[in-house]
Amino acid sequence: MAAKETIAFIGESSPLFTRLAQHLAKKHYPMLLVNEAETLQAKLPAAVESISCIKDGCWEADIVILLEANSIELELLEKIKEVATQKIVVYLISDKEQGATDENSASTLEQALPNSKVVRLLYEATSNKLVVSGEDEEAVAFITTLMKGMAGHTIEQHS
């Protein structure tokens, strides 16, 4: 049996993040929480590590999930650029935050992390749907599969 990918979460928690982390913990994915880890560890059913260094967290992880993607700073992207090469980098955004800033986030991420597989995970609150999209079809398909079964959510894939 192959080892499951380690997933690093970077950013501030939200109710959506908590549900996502609980979903992945139930699937027994190893997780690294980089910010606000202490408040979330008690809510997760699996062993979760916390780490304070963003670069080290991305180095250890196979998949990086950026929370609050609209507030991503270039300084953060520079810290992870060299350790996120060929890794899937997911940015989580809700439809409440979507718009011009979402397009800026996508463009900023793709330019700052040219050797990463950038995937957008959009949460549409009104329909309780997760929409997965990105340029790398294999990465999009993997994240779509990873999200399947998340309680109460439908998954839609776009390439």
Protein backbone atom coordinates (compact mmCIF):
# COMPACT_ATOMS: atom_id res chain seq x y z
CA MET A 1 0.00 0.00 0.00
CA ALA A 2 1.42 3.36 -1.05
CA ALA A 3 1.87 6.11 1.52
CA LYS A 4 -0.65 8.92 1.31
CA GLU A 5 0.48 12.40 0.38
CA THR A 6 1.25 14.82 3.17
CA ILE A 7 -0.82 18.00 2.95
CA ALA A 8 0.34 21.35 4.33
CA PHE A 9 -2.23 24.04 5.15
CA ILE A 10 -0.97 27.62 5.15
CA GLY A 11 -3.10 30.52 6.30
CA GLU A 12 -5.79 31.38 8.76
CA SER A 13 -8.53 28.94 9.52
CA SER A 14 -12.16 29.34 8.56
CA PRO A 15 -15.23 27.11 8.90
CA LEU A 16 -14.63 25.81 5.36
CA PHE A 17 -11.01 25.04 6.17
CA THR A 18 -12.04 23.17 9.30
CA ARG A 19 -14.49 21.01 7.30
CA LEU A 20 -11.85 20.37 4.65
CA ALA A 21 -9.21 19.41 7.22
CA GLN A 22 -11.69 17.10 9.00
CA HIS A 23 -12.57 15.47 5.66
CA LEU A 24 -8.91 14.79 4.86
CA ALA A 25 -8.17 13.60 8.39
CA LYS A 26 -10.98 11.03 8.11
CA LYS A 27 -9.25 9.77 4.95
CA HIS A 28 -6.06 9.45 7.06
CA TYR A 29 -3.97 11.96 5.13
CA PRO A 30 -0.97 13.22 7.10
CA MET A 31 -1.32 16.96 7.63
CA LEU A 32 0.89 19.85 8.59
CA LEU A 33 -0.82 22.95 9.93
CA VAL A 34 1.29 26.05 9.54
CA ASN A 35 -0.93 28.72 11.14
CA GLU A 36 -3.47 28.56 13.95
CA ALA A 37 -2.61 24.90 14.40
CA GLU A 38 -3.32 24.72 18.11
CA THR A 39 -6.96 25.73 17.74
CA LEU A 40 -7.59 23.14 15.05
CA GLN A 41 -5.75 20.09 16.33
CA ALA A 42 -8.45 19.32 18.89
CA LYS A 43 -11.10 19.26 16.13
CA LEU A 44 -9.27 16.75 13.93
CA PRO A 45 -9.62 12.97 14.36
CA ALA A 46 -6.13 12.10 13.09
CA ALA A 47 -2.64 12.91 14.22
CA VAL A 48 -1.76 16.33 12.85
CA GLU A 49 1.56 18.07 13.11
CA SER A 50 2.01 21.77 13.48
CA ILE A 51 4.99 23.62 12.15
CA SER A 52 5.89 27.29 12.44
CA CYS A 53 8.11 27.68 9.36
CA ILE A 54 6.21 28.04 6.10
CA LYS A 55 9.16 26.94 3.98
CA ASP A 56 9.75 23.82 6.09
CA GLY A 57 6.04 22.98 5.99
CA CYS A 58 6.02 23.14 2.19
CA TRP A 59 9.25 21.17 2.00
CA GLU A 60 7.72 18.34 4.05
CA ALA A 61 4.42 18.34 2.16
CA ASP A 62 3.45 16.77 -1.14
CA ILE A 63 0.45 19.09 -1.54
CA VAL A 64 0.18 22.68 -0.31
CA ILE A 65 -3.22 24.27 0.36
CA LEU A 66 -3.25 28.06 0.68
CA LEU A 67 -6.14 29.46 2.67
CA GLU A 68 -7.55 32.94 2.13
CA ALA A 69 -5.98 33.05 -1.31
CA ASN A 70 -6.95 36.69 -1.92
CA SER A 71 -4.61 37.80 0.84
CA ILE A 72 -1.58 35.87 -0.46
CA GLU A 73 1.55 37.96 -0.27
CA LEU A 74 4.42 37.73 -2.71
CA GLU A 75 6.78 37.37 0.24
CA LEU A 76 5.04 34.12 1.21
CA LEU A 77 5.24 32.81 -2.35
CA GLU A 78 8.96 33.57 -2.48
CA LYS A 79 9.45 31.51 0.68
CA ILE A 80 7.82 28.44 -0.84
CA LYS A 81 8.85 28.80 -4.49
CA GLU A 82 11.92 26.60 -4.38
CA VAL A 83 10.32 23.87 -2.25
CA ALA A 84 6.99 23.75 -4.13
CA THR A 85 8.53 22.69 -7.44
CA GLN A 86 6.38 20.03 -9.16
CA LYS A 87 4.00 19.97 -6.18
CA ILE A 88 0.29 20.65 -6.31
CA VAL A 89 -0.47 24.05 -4.82
CA VAL A 90 -4.18 24.54 -4.14
CA TYR A 91 -5.67 27.90 -3.36
CA LEU A 92 -8.96 27.80 -1.53
CA ILE A 93 -11.44 30.58 -2.16
CA SER A 94 -15.15 31.04 -1.50
CA ASP A 95 -17.58 32.59 -3.97
CA LYS A 96 -18.00 35.48 -1.54
CA GLU A 97 -14.36 36.39 -2.21
CA GLN A 98 -14.43 35.62 -5.94
CA GLY A 99 -14.11 38.31 -8.58
CA ALA A 100 -11.28 40.39 -9.92
CA THR A 101 -9.15 39.58 -6.90
CA ASP A 102 -9.56 35.87 -7.66
CA GLU A 103 -8.17 36.37 -11.17
CA ASN A 104 -5.30 38.35 -9.66
CA SER A 105 -4.64 35.52 -7.19
CA ALA A 106 -4.52 32.93 -9.98
CA SER A 107 -2.21 35.06 -12.09
CA THR A 108 0.01 35.91 -9.11
CA LEU A 109 0.30 32.26 -8.09
CA GLU A 110 1.05 30.97 -11.56
CA GLN A 111 3.70 33.63 -12.13
CA ALA A 112 5.30 33.27 -8.70
CA LEU A 113 5.22 29.44 -8.75
CA PRO A 114 5.89 28.58 -12.41
CA ASN A 115 7.11 25.07 -11.60
CA SER A 116 4.14 24.14 -9.42
CA LYS A 117 0.80 22.63 -10.40
CA VAL A 118 -1.60 25.40 -9.36
CA VAL A 119 -5.20 24.31 -8.71
CA ARG A 120 -8.12 26.52 -7.69
CA LEU A 121 -10.68 25.13 -5.24
CA LEU A 122 -13.75 27.40 -5.27
CA TYR A 123 -16.46 26.91 -2.66
CA GLU A 124 -19.89 28.03 -3.87
CA ALA A 125 -21.80 28.53 -0.63
CA THR A 126 -25.29 28.86 -2.11
CA SER A 127 -25.12 25.46 -3.82
CA ASN A 128 -22.69 23.88 -1.33
CA LYS A 129 -20.48 22.96 -4.28
CA LEU A 130 -16.71 22.72 -4.64
CA VAL A 131 -15.38 23.59 -8.09
CA VAL A 132 -11.88 22.37 -8.92
CA SER A 133 -10.00 23.94 -11.84
CA GLY A 134 -6.50 24.53 -13.15
CA GLU A 135 -4.16 24.10 -16.10
CA ASP A 136 -2.67 20.74 -15.04
CA GLU A 137 -5.36 18.14 -15.78
CA GLU A 138 -3.72 15.44 -13.66
CA ALA A 139 -3.50 17.75 -10.63
CA VAL A 140 -7.13 18.86 -11.10
CA ALA A 141 -8.27 15.22 -11.32
CA PHE A 142 -6.30 14.31 -8.19
CA ILE A 143 -7.73 17.18 -6.13
CA THR A 144 -11.24 16.36 -7.40
CA THR A 145 -10.82 12.77 -6.21
CA LEU A 146 -9.38 13.99 -2.90
CA MET A 147 -12.46 16.18 -2.27
CA LYS A 148 -15.03 13.50 -3.13
CA GLY A 149 -17.12 12.45 -0.19
CA MET A 150 -16.74 15.73 1.68
CA ALA A 151 -19.96 15.78 3.69
CA GLY A 152 -22.79 17.68 2.05
CA HIS A 153 -20.74 18.96 -0.90
CA THR A 154 -20.96 18.23 -4.59
CA ILE A 155 -17.76 18.34 -6.61
CA GLU A 156 -17.39 19.80 -10.09
CA GLN A 157 -14.21 19.58 -12.16
CA HIS A 158 -13.07 22.08 -14.80
CA SER A 159 -9.81 21.96 -16.76
